[in-house]
C-alpha atoms as a PDB file:
ATOM      1  CA  MET A   1     -30.239   4.580   6.607  1.00  0.00           C
ATOM      2  CA  LYS A   2     -26.511   4.939   8.510  1.00  0.00           C
ATOM      3  CA  PHE A   3     -23.288   4.611   7.526  1.00  0.00           C
ATOM      4  CA  LYS A   4     -19.881   3.263   8.627  1.00  0.00           C
ATOM      5  CA  THR A   5     -16.215   4.815   7.220  1.00  0.00           C
ATOM      6  CA  LEU A   6     -13.740   2.366   7.107  1.00  0.00           C
ATOM      7  CA  GLN A   7      -9.724   3.289   6.436  1.00  0.00           C
ATOM      8  CA  THR A   8      -8.608   1.344   3.919  1.00  0.00           C
ATOM      9  CA  GLU A   9      -4.832   0.023   2.187  1.00  0.00           C
ATOM     10  CA  TRP A  10      -4.362  -1.303  -1.328  1.00  0.00           C
ATOM     11  CA  LYS A  11      -2.579  -4.084  -3.024  1.00  0.00           C
ATOM     12  CA  ALA A  12      -2.594  -5.556  -6.334  1.00  0.00           C
ATOM     13  CA  THR A  13      -4.997  -8.087  -7.986  1.00  0.00           C
ATOM     14  CA  GLY A  14      -4.572  -9.198 -11.854  1.00  0.00           C
ATOM     15  CA  THR A  15      -7.871  -7.597 -12.965  1.00  0.00           C
ATOM     16  CA  GLU A  16      -7.713  -3.689 -13.980  1.00  0.00           C
ATOM     17  CA  GLY A  17     -10.159  -1.698 -11.595  1.00  0.00           C
ATOM     18  CA  GLU A  18     -10.640  -4.518  -9.186  1.00  0.00           C
ATOM     19  CA  ILE A  19     -10.957  -4.483  -5.364  1.00  0.00           C
ATOM     20  CA  GLU A  20     -10.496  -6.039  -2.894  1.00  0.00           C
ATOM     21  CA  ALA A  21     -11.323  -3.993   0.485  1.00  0.00           C
ATOM     22  CA  TRP A  22     -12.392  -5.377   4.150  1.00  0.00           C
ATOM     23  CA  VAL A  23     -15.107  -3.228   4.681  1.00  0.00           C
ATOM     24  CA  SER A  24     -15.923  -3.645   8.285  1.00  0.00           C
ATOM     25  CA  VAL A  25     -14.038  -5.120  11.469  1.00  0.00           C
ATOM     26  CA  PHE A  26     -15.416  -7.573  13.931  1.00  0.00           C
ATOM     27  CA  GLY A  27     -15.514  -7.363  17.451  1.00  0.00           C
ATOM     28  CA  ASN A  28     -13.823  -3.823  18.042  1.00  0.00           C
ATOM     29  CA  VAL A  29     -15.258  -0.524  19.129  1.00  0.00           C
ATOM     30  CA  ASP A  30     -15.440   1.851  16.355  1.00  0.00           C
ATOM     31  CA  SER A  31     -15.545   5.747  16.990  1.00  0.00           C
ATOM     32  CA  TYR A  32     -18.952   5.205  16.703  1.00  0.00           C
ATOM     33  CA  GLY A  33     -18.877   2.952  20.130  1.00  0.00           C
ATOM     34  CA  ASP A  34     -20.757   0.848  17.863  1.00  0.00           C
ATOM     35  CA  ARG A  35     -18.934  -3.341  17.756  1.00  0.00           C
ATOM     36  CA  VAL A  36     -20.383  -5.063  14.750  1.00  0.00           C
ATOM     37  CA  LYS A  37     -20.610  -8.809  15.974  1.00  0.00           C
ATOM     38  CA  PHE A  38     -19.189 -11.907  13.642  1.00  0.00           C
ATOM     39  CA  GLY A  39     -22.552 -13.106  11.381  1.00  0.00           C
ATOM     40  CA  ALA A  40     -24.431  -9.614  11.544  1.00  0.00           C
ATOM     41  CA  PHE A  41     -24.058  -9.438   7.633  1.00  0.00           C
ATOM     42  CA  ARG A  42     -24.944 -13.467   6.822  1.00  0.00           C
ATOM     43  CA  ASP A  43     -28.966 -13.020   6.446  1.00  0.00           C
ATOM     44  CA  SER A  44     -28.694  -9.500   4.215  1.00  0.00           C
ATOM     45  CA  LEU A  45     -25.985 -10.916   2.106  1.00  0.00           C
ATOM     46  CA  ALA A  46     -28.293 -13.754   1.655  1.00  0.00           C
ATOM     47  CA  THR A  47     -30.774 -12.107   0.043  1.00  0.00           C
ATOM     48  CA  LEU A  48     -29.535  -8.587  -1.238  1.00  0.00           C
ATOM     49  CA  THR A  49     -25.885  -7.303  -3.085  1.00  0.00           C
ATOM     50  CA  PRO A  50     -24.428  -4.046  -1.971  1.00  0.00           C
ATOM     51  CA  ALA A  51     -24.369  -1.639  -4.247  1.00  0.00           C
ATOM     52  CA  LEU A  52     -21.028  -0.083  -4.951  1.00  0.00           C
ATOM     53  CA  VAL A  53     -21.315   3.686  -4.979  1.00  0.00           C
ATOM     54  CA  TRP A  54     -19.504   7.077  -4.460  1.00  0.00           C
ATOM     55  CA  GLN A  55     -20.004   9.251  -1.303  1.00  0.00           C
ATOM     56  CA  HIS A  56     -23.007   7.247  -0.776  1.00  0.00           C
ATOM     57  CA  ASN A  57     -24.700   8.096  -3.422  1.00  0.00           C
ATOM     58  CA  LEU A  58     -27.462   5.882  -4.427  1.00  0.00           C
ATOM     59  CA  GLN A  59     -27.727   7.684  -8.549  1.00  0.00           C
ATOM     60  CA  GLU A  60     -24.037   7.362  -8.996  1.00  0.00           C
ATOM     61  CA  PRO A  61     -22.942   3.728  -9.156  1.00  0.00           C
ATOM     62  CA  ILE A  62     -19.039   3.421  -9.637  1.00  0.00           C
ATOM     63  CA  GLY A  63     -19.213  -0.399 -10.077  1.00  0.00           C
ATOM     64  CA  LYS A  64     -20.527  -3.492  -8.937  1.00  0.00           C
ATOM     65  CA  THR A  65     -19.863  -5.886  -6.122  1.00  0.00           C
ATOM     66  CA  VAL A  66     -18.022  -9.441  -7.330  1.00  0.00           C
ATOM     67  CA  THR A  67     -18.382 -11.155  -3.767  1.00  0.00           C
ATOM     68  CA  MET A  68     -18.897 -10.445   0.027  1.00  0.00           C
ATOM     69  CA  GLU A  69     -18.190 -12.150   2.882  1.00  0.00           C
ATOM     70  CA  GLU A  70     -17.957 -12.812   6.644  1.00  0.00           C
ATOM     71  CA  VAL A  71     -14.015 -14.355   7.911  1.00  0.00           C
ATOM     72  CA  PRO A  72     -13.827 -15.504  10.918  1.00  0.00           C
ATOM     73  CA  ALA A  73     -10.869 -13.956  13.078  1.00  0.00           C
ATOM     74  CA  GLY A  74      -7.883 -16.424  12.625  1.00  0.00           C
ATOM     75  CA  ASP A  75      -8.193 -16.636   9.242  1.00  0.00           C
ATOM     76  CA  PRO A  76      -4.401 -16.481   7.236  1.00  0.00           C
ATOM     77  CA  ARG A  77      -6.450 -13.662   4.435  1.00  0.00           C
ATOM     78  CA  LEU A  78      -6.826 -11.381   7.077  1.00  0.00           C
ATOM     79  CA  PRO A  79      -4.585  -8.451   7.877  1.00  0.00           C
ATOM     80  CA  GLU A  80      -2.342  -8.773  10.986  1.00  0.00           C
ATOM     81  CA  ASN A  81      -3.241  -6.003  12.737  1.00  0.00           C
ATOM     82  CA  ILE A  82      -7.229  -7.347  11.909  1.00  0.00           C
ATOM     83  CA  ARG A  83      -6.409 -11.023  12.323  1.00  0.00           C
ATOM     84  CA  GLU A  84      -7.527 -11.584  15.929  1.00  0.00           C
ATOM     85  CA  HIS A  85     -11.164  -9.902  14.998  1.00  0.00           C
ATOM     86  CA  GLY A  86     -12.149 -10.945  11.376  1.00  0.00           C
ATOM     87  CA  GLY A  87     -13.653  -8.353   9.137  1.00  0.00           C
ATOM     88  CA  LEU A  88     -16.430  -8.589   5.742  1.00  0.00           C
ATOM     89  CA  LEU A  89     -14.324  -9.105   2.708  1.00  0.00           C
ATOM     90  CA  ALA A  90     -15.495  -7.332  -0.457  1.00  0.00           C
ATOM     91  CA  LYS A  91     -14.446  -7.545  -3.903  1.00  0.00           C
ATOM     92  CA  GLY A  92     -15.727  -5.513  -6.588  1.00  0.00           C
ATOM     93  CA  LEU A  93     -15.675  -4.165  -9.994  1.00  0.00           C
ATOM     94  CA  LEU A  94     -15.237  -0.267 -10.610  1.00  0.00           C
ATOM     95  CA  ASN A  95     -17.065   0.338 -14.066  1.00  0.00           C
ATOM     96  CA  LEU A  96     -13.812   2.141 -15.637  1.00  0.00           C
ATOM     97  CA  ASN A  97     -16.338   2.332 -18.550  1.00  0.00           C
ATOM     98  CA  VAL A  98     -18.238   5.517 -17.170  1.00  0.00           C
ATOM     99  CA  GLN A  99     -16.750   8.936 -15.564  1.00  0.00           C
ATOM    100  CA  ALA A 100     -17.233   8.149 -12.208  1.00  0.00           C
ATOM    101  CA  GLY A 101     -15.932   4.800 -12.246  1.00  0.00           C
ATOM    102  CA  ARG A 102     -12.453   6.503 -13.859  1.00  0.00           C
ATOM    103  CA  GLU A 103     -12.199   9.171 -11.405  1.00  0.00           C
ATOM    104  CA  ALA A 104     -12.763   6.777  -8.370  1.00  0.00           C
ATOM    105  CA  TYR A 105     -10.231   4.492  -9.829  1.00  0.00           C
ATOM    106  CA  GLU A 106      -7.290   7.274 -10.417  1.00  0.00           C
ATOM    107  CA  HIS A 107      -8.352   8.864  -6.587  1.00  0.00           C
ATOM    108  CA  VAL A 108      -7.580   5.071  -5.065  1.00  0.00           C
ATOM    109  CA  LYS A 109      -4.652   4.976  -7.277  1.00  0.00           C
ATOM    110  CA  PHE A 110      -3.065   8.440  -6.386  1.00  0.00           C
ATOM    111  CA  GLY A 111      -4.445   7.832  -2.613  1.00  0.00           C
ATOM    112  CA  SER A 112      -6.949  10.944  -2.310  1.00  0.00           C
ATOM    113  CA  VAL A 113      -9.301   8.385  -1.557  1.00  0.00           C
ATOM    114  CA  ASN A 114      -8.518   5.623   0.749  1.00  0.00           C
ATOM    115  CA  GLN A 115     -11.407   4.940   2.541  1.00  0.00           C
ATOM    116  CA  TYR A 116     -14.422   2.764   2.337  1.00  0.00           C
ATOM    117  CA  SER A 117     -17.960   3.537   4.104  1.00  0.00           C
ATOM    118  CA  PHE A 118     -21.635   1.256   4.103  1.00  0.00           C
ATOM    119  CA  GLY A 119     -24.950   2.433   4.338  1.00  0.00           C
ATOM    120  CA  TYR A 120     -27.201  -0.349   6.494  1.00  0.00           C
ATOM    121  CA  ASP A 121     -30.105  -0.391   8.917  1.00  0.00           C
ATOM    122  CA  GLU A 122     -29.897  -1.913  12.590  1.00  0.00           C
ATOM    123  CA  VAL A 123     -32.061  -4.414  12.784  1.00  0.00           C
ATOM    124  CA  GLU A 124     -30.511  -6.489  15.873  1.00  0.00           C
ATOM    125  CA  THR A 125     -28.435  -4.468  18.446  1.00  0.00           C
ATOM    126  CA  THR A 126     -27.504  -5.317  21.963  1.00  0.00           C
ATOM    127  CA  PRO A 127     -26.831  -1.885  24.277  1.00  0.00           C
ATOM    128  CA  LEU A 128     -23.776  -3.195  26.777  1.00  0.00           C
ATOM    129  CA  GLN A 129     -22.719  -2.020  30.434  1.00  0.00           C
ATOM    130  CA  ASP A 130     -19.651   0.520  29.290  1.00  0.00           C
ATOM    131  CA  GLY A 131     -21.867   2.315  27.185  1.00  0.00           C
ATOM    132  CA  THR A 132     -21.321   0.879  23.331  1.00  0.00           C
ATOM    133  CA  LYS A 133     -23.453  -1.096  21.476  1.00  0.00           C
ATOM    134  CA  GLU A 134     -23.294  -4.119  19.792  1.00  0.00           C
ATOM    135  CA  LEU A 135     -24.458  -4.687  16.298  1.00  0.00           C
ATOM    136  CA  ASN A 136     -26.392  -7.909  16.125  1.00  0.00           C
ATOM    137  CA  LYS A 137     -27.902  -8.098  13.050  1.00  0.00           C
ATOM    138  CA  LEU A 138     -27.562  -5.445   9.977  1.00  0.00           C
ATOM    139  CA  LYS A 139     -29.477  -5.228   6.592  1.00  0.00           C
ATOM    140  CA  LEU A 140     -26.510  -3.938   4.175  1.00  0.00           C
ATOM    141  CA  TYR A 141     -27.647  -1.733   1.461  1.00  0.00           C
ATOM    142  CA  GLU A 142     -23.848  -0.021   0.210  1.00  0.00           C
ATOM    143  CA  TRP A 143     -20.648   0.160   0.402  1.00  0.00           C
ATOM    144  CA  SER A 144     -18.529   2.953  -0.948  1.00  0.00           C
ATOM    145  CA  LEU A 145     -15.765   4.820  -1.376  1.00  0.00           C
ATOM    146  CA  VAL A 146     -15.482   7.818   0.930  1.00  0.00           C
ATOM    147  CA  THR A 147     -12.896  10.942   1.947  1.00  0.00           C
ATOM    148  CA  LEU A 148     -13.521  10.642   6.050  1.00  0.00           C
ATOM    149  CA  GLY A 149     -12.910   7.231   8.563  1.00  0.00           C
ATOM    150  CA  ALA A 150     -13.851   5.968  11.720  1.00  0.00           C
ATOM    151  CA  ASN A 151     -12.795   2.646  12.509  1.00  0.00           C
ATOM    152  CA  ASN A 152      -9.212   2.315  11.697  1.00  0.00           C
ATOM    153  CA  LEU A 153      -8.685  -0.937  12.329  1.00  0.00           C
ATOM    154  CA  THR A 154     -10.678  -1.823   8.832  1.00  0.00           C
ATOM    155  CA  GLN A 155      -7.929  -2.428   5.371  1.00  0.00           C
ATOM    156  CA  THR A 156      -8.594  -2.365   2.092  1.00  0.00           C
ATOM    157  CA  GLN A 157      -7.121  -5.583   0.547  1.00  0.00           C
ATOM    158  CA  SER A 158      -6.205  -5.020  -2.979  1.00  0.00           C
ATOM    159  CA  ILE A 159      -6.396  -3.378  -6.664  1.00  0.00           C
ATOM    160  CA  LYS A 160      -4.879  -3.644  -9.833  1.00  0.00           C
ATOM    161  CA  ALA A 161      -1.117  -3.123  -9.378  1.00  0.00           C
ATOM    162  CA  MET A 162       0.935   0.930  -8.976  1.00  0.00           C
ATOM    163  CA  SER A 163       3.667   1.515 -10.661  1.00  0.00           C
ATOM    164  CA  ILE A 164       6.754   2.251  -8.187  1.00  0.00           C
ATOM    165  CA  GLU A 165       6.071   5.396  -9.076  1.00  0.00           C
ATOM    166  CA  ASP A 166       2.643   5.835  -8.073  1.00  0.00           C
ATOM    167  CA  LYS A 167       3.427   4.689  -4.901  1.00  0.00           C
ATOM    168  CA  LEU A 168       6.446   6.887  -4.221  1.00  0.00           C
ATOM    169  CA  ALA A 169       4.007  10.027  -4.862  1.00  0.00           C
ATOM    170  CA  THR A 170       0.817   8.317  -2.683  1.00  0.00           C
ATOM    171  CA  LEU A 171       3.423   8.183  -0.028  1.00  0.00           C
ATOM    172  CA  SER A 172       5.550  11.650  -0.684  1.00  0.00           C
ATOM    173  CA  MET A 173       1.470  12.466  -0.037  1.00  0.00           C
ATOM    174  CA  LEU A 174       0.458  11.413   2.889  1.00  0.00           C
ATOM    175  CA  ILE A 175       4.043  12.381   4.745  1.00  0.00           C
ATOM    176  CA  ASP A 176       2.880  16.112   3.456  1.00  0.00           C
ATOM    177  CA  ASN A 177      -0.863  15.002   5.174  1.00  0.00           C
ATOM    178  CA  ALA A 178      -0.068  13.534   8.540  1.00  0.00           C
ATOM    179  CA  GLU A 179       3.202  16.879   8.371  1.00  0.00           C
ATOM    180  CA  GLU A 180       0.125  19.359   8.206  1.00  0.00           C
ATOM    181  CA  HIS A 181      -1.827  17.675  10.615  1.00  0.00           C
ATOM    182  CA  ALA A 182       1.254  17.177  13.019  1.00  0.00           C
ATOM    183  CA  HIS A 183       1.831  20.767  12.614  1.00  0.00           C
ATOM    184  CA  ALA A 184      -1.879  22.012  13.092  1.00  0.00           C
ATOM    185  CA  PHE A 185      -2.096  20.257  15.884  1.00  0.00           C
ATOM    186  CA  ALA A 186       1.023  21.523  18.153  1.00  0.00           C
ATOM    187  CA  ASP A 187      -1.152  24.855  16.724  1.00  0.00           C
ATOM    188  CA  MET A 188      -3.630  23.894  18.819  1.00  0.00           C
ATOM    189  CA  ARG A 189      -2.545  22.422  22.338  1.00  0.00           C
ATOM    190  CA  THR A 190      -0.358  25.113  22.422  1.00  0.00           C
ATOM    191  CA  LYS A 191      -2.676  28.359  22.257  1.00  0.00           C
ATOM    192  CA  ALA A 192      -4.944  25.755  24.502  1.00  0.00           C
ATOM    193  CA  GLY A 193      -2.137  25.979  26.957  1.00  0.00           C
ATOM    194  CA  ARG A 194      -2.648  21.899  27.660  1.00  0.00           C
ATOM    195  CA  VAL A 195      -0.195  19.088  28.734  1.00  0.00           C
ATOM    196  CA  LEU A 196      -0.363  15.681  26.427  1.00  0.00           C
ATOM    197  CA  ASN A 197      -1.382  12.958  28.449  1.00  0.00           C
ATOM    198  CA  SER A 198       1.148  10.193  29.009  1.00  0.00           C
ATOM    199  CA  ARG A 199      -0.035   7.899  25.935  1.00  0.00           C
ATOM    200  CA  ILE A 200      -0.642  10.654  23.316  1.00  0.00           C
ATOM    201  CA  ARG A 201       3.223  11.469  24.188  1.00  0.00           C
ATOM    202  CA  GLY A 202       3.963   7.501  23.492  1.00  0.00           C
ATOM    203  CA  MET A 203       1.993   7.556  19.792  1.00  0.00           C
ATOM    204  CA  ILE A 204       3.698  10.703  18.934  1.00  0.00           C
ATOM    205  CA  VAL A 205       7.117   9.262  20.162  1.00  0.00           C
ATOM    206  CA  SER A 206       6.483   5.564  17.967  1.00  0.00           C
ATOM    207  CA  LEU A 207       5.365   7.924  14.630  1.00  0.00           C
ATOM    208  CA  ALA A 208       8.456   9.513  15.036  1.00  0.00           C
ATOM    209  CA  ASP A 209      10.548   6.396  15.347  1.00  0.00           C
ATOM    210  CA  GLN A 210       8.060   4.460  12.583  1.00  0.00           C
ATOM    211  CA  LEU A 211       8.882   7.586   9.892  1.00  0.00           C
ATOM    212  CA  THR A 212      12.494   7.273  10.643  1.00  0.00           C
ATOM    213  CA  ASP A 213      13.057   4.017  10.149  1.00  0.00           C
ATOM    214  CA  ALA A 214      10.904   4.526   7.085  1.00  0.00           C
ATOM    215  CA  ALA A 215      13.135   7.312   6.007  1.00  0.00           C
ATOM    216  CA  LYS A 216      16.235   4.765   6.616  1.00  0.00           C
ATOM    217  CA  SER A 217      14.719   1.769   4.730  1.00  0.00           C
ATOM    218  CA  LEU A 218      14.501   4.230   1.530  1.00  0.00           C
ATOM    219  CA  TYR A 219      17.738   5.967   2.055  1.00  0.00           C
ATOM    220  CA  ALA A 220      19.219   2.209   2.095  1.00  0.00           C
ATOM    221  CA  LEU A 221      16.818   1.685  -1.076  1.00  0.00           C
ATOM    222  CA  HIS A 222      18.525   4.429  -2.902  1.00  0.00           C
ATOM    223  CA  LYS A 223      22.187   3.435  -1.972  1.00  0.00           C
ATOM    224  CA  GLU A 224      21.888  -0.303  -3.015  1.00  0.00           C
ATOM    225  CA  THR A 225      19.628   0.289  -6.565  1.00  0.00           C
ATOM    226  CA  GLU A 226      22.562   3.024  -7.370  1.00  0.00           C
ATOM    227  CA  PRO A 227      23.938   2.095 -11.130  1.00  0.00           C
ATOM    228  CA  ILE A 228      26.970  -0.137 -10.776  1.00  0.00           C
ATOM    229  CA  ALA A 229      29.958   1.061 -12.785  1.00  0.00           C
ATOM    230  CA  ASP A 230      30.531  -1.139 -16.306  1.00  0.00           C
ATOM    231  CA  THR A 231      34.124  -2.363 -15.161  1.00  0.00           C
ATOM    232  CA  GLN A 232      35.115  -3.497 -18.962  1.00  0.00           C
ATOM    233  CA  LYS A 233      34.449   0.442 -19.872  1.00  0.00           C
ATOM    234  CA  GLU A 234      36.831   1.152 -16.435  1.00  0.00           C
ATOM    235  CA  ARG A 235      39.624  -1.008 -17.933  1.00  0.00           C
ATOM    236  CA  ARG A 236      39.231  -0.481 -21.330  1.00  0.00           C
ATOM    237  CA  ALA A 237      39.805   3.619 -20.250  1.00  0.00           C
ATOM    238  CA  LEU A 238      42.171   2.395 -17.580  1.00  0.00           C
ATOM    239  CA  LEU A 239      43.751   0.625 -20.501  1.00  0.00           C
ATOM    240  CA  LEU A 240      43.215   3.855 -23.097  1.00  0.00           C
ATOM    241  CA  TYR A 241      45.422   5.958 -20.375  1.00  0.00           C
ATOM    242  CA  MET A 242      48.303   3.505 -20.235  1.00  0.00           C
ATOM    243  CA  GLN A 243      49.063   3.429 -23.955  1.00  0.00           C
ATOM    244  CA  GLN A 244      48.783   7.286 -23.882  1.00  0.00           C
ATOM    245  CA  LEU A 245      51.604   7.442 -21.104  1.00  0.00           C
ATOM    246  CA  ASN A 246      53.959   4.811 -22.849  1.00  0.00           C
ATOM    247  CA  ARG A 247      53.556   6.857 -26.223  1.00  0.00           C
ATOM    248  CA  ASN A 248      54.566   9.571 -24.314  1.00  0.00           C
END
C-alpha cells in the first residue's frame, strides 16, 4: 500500500466532530511526481468505504467516513485555488467517545495537525514523457490525519466552528512556525554560500507582502473593535463637573 499526504485547512460545520476534506487534487503534479486523474477513485468508492484512521494506523480508527465524492473541475464547491483541477471531497465524523478521536479533534482545532494522507494501491497508471506518472485507477483503503504533507493544493474543508480565541492561537502558532522555518532556511543558505534564484526570491517577497497585509488587517480589526465611549456617561460627568464649578 502506498501513501499520499496533503495539506489542509478548516471551516465550520454544524455537527461537533464532523469534518470535510479535499484529500486529493486532480490534474496537478504532487511532490512524488504523480498526477491523479479525475475518475481514478470511482471504481474503488463503488465497492469499498475507506477507513478514517490516525497516522495510517489501521489498528487505530478515529472515526468513520460519511461520504466521499469525486468533484469535477469548475464545481463551485471547490476552493478557488483548486477549482481548475477538481478534487476528492471526503466527509467524516470523528469518534469523540474514544480517546484517539478526541485527541485528533483537539489537534485539528489547535492546528498542530492540519494535513491528510490516504493509503492506496495503483491499479492502472500511465508514465508520461516529462517523467511524471498519471494515476488512472486507484484502490483507496484509508484516509488519515497526519503531520507531514506533499500536495500543497489540497484543502480540508470543514470542522465544527472554532472560537475566535482558537483561531487567533492557531494563527499565532503558524506564524511562529513560519518564522522558525525562515530562520533555519536563511542559516542553511548562508552556510552553503549559495544565491537564491529569482523564483524563490519572488516567493519570499510575496510571502512577506502577505504577512504585512495580514498584520495591517489585524491592526485595523483591533482599532475597529475598540470599546466605544458611553456618551451619556460622559455628558453626566461633564454636567456634574459644571455644577461643581458653579457651586464654587
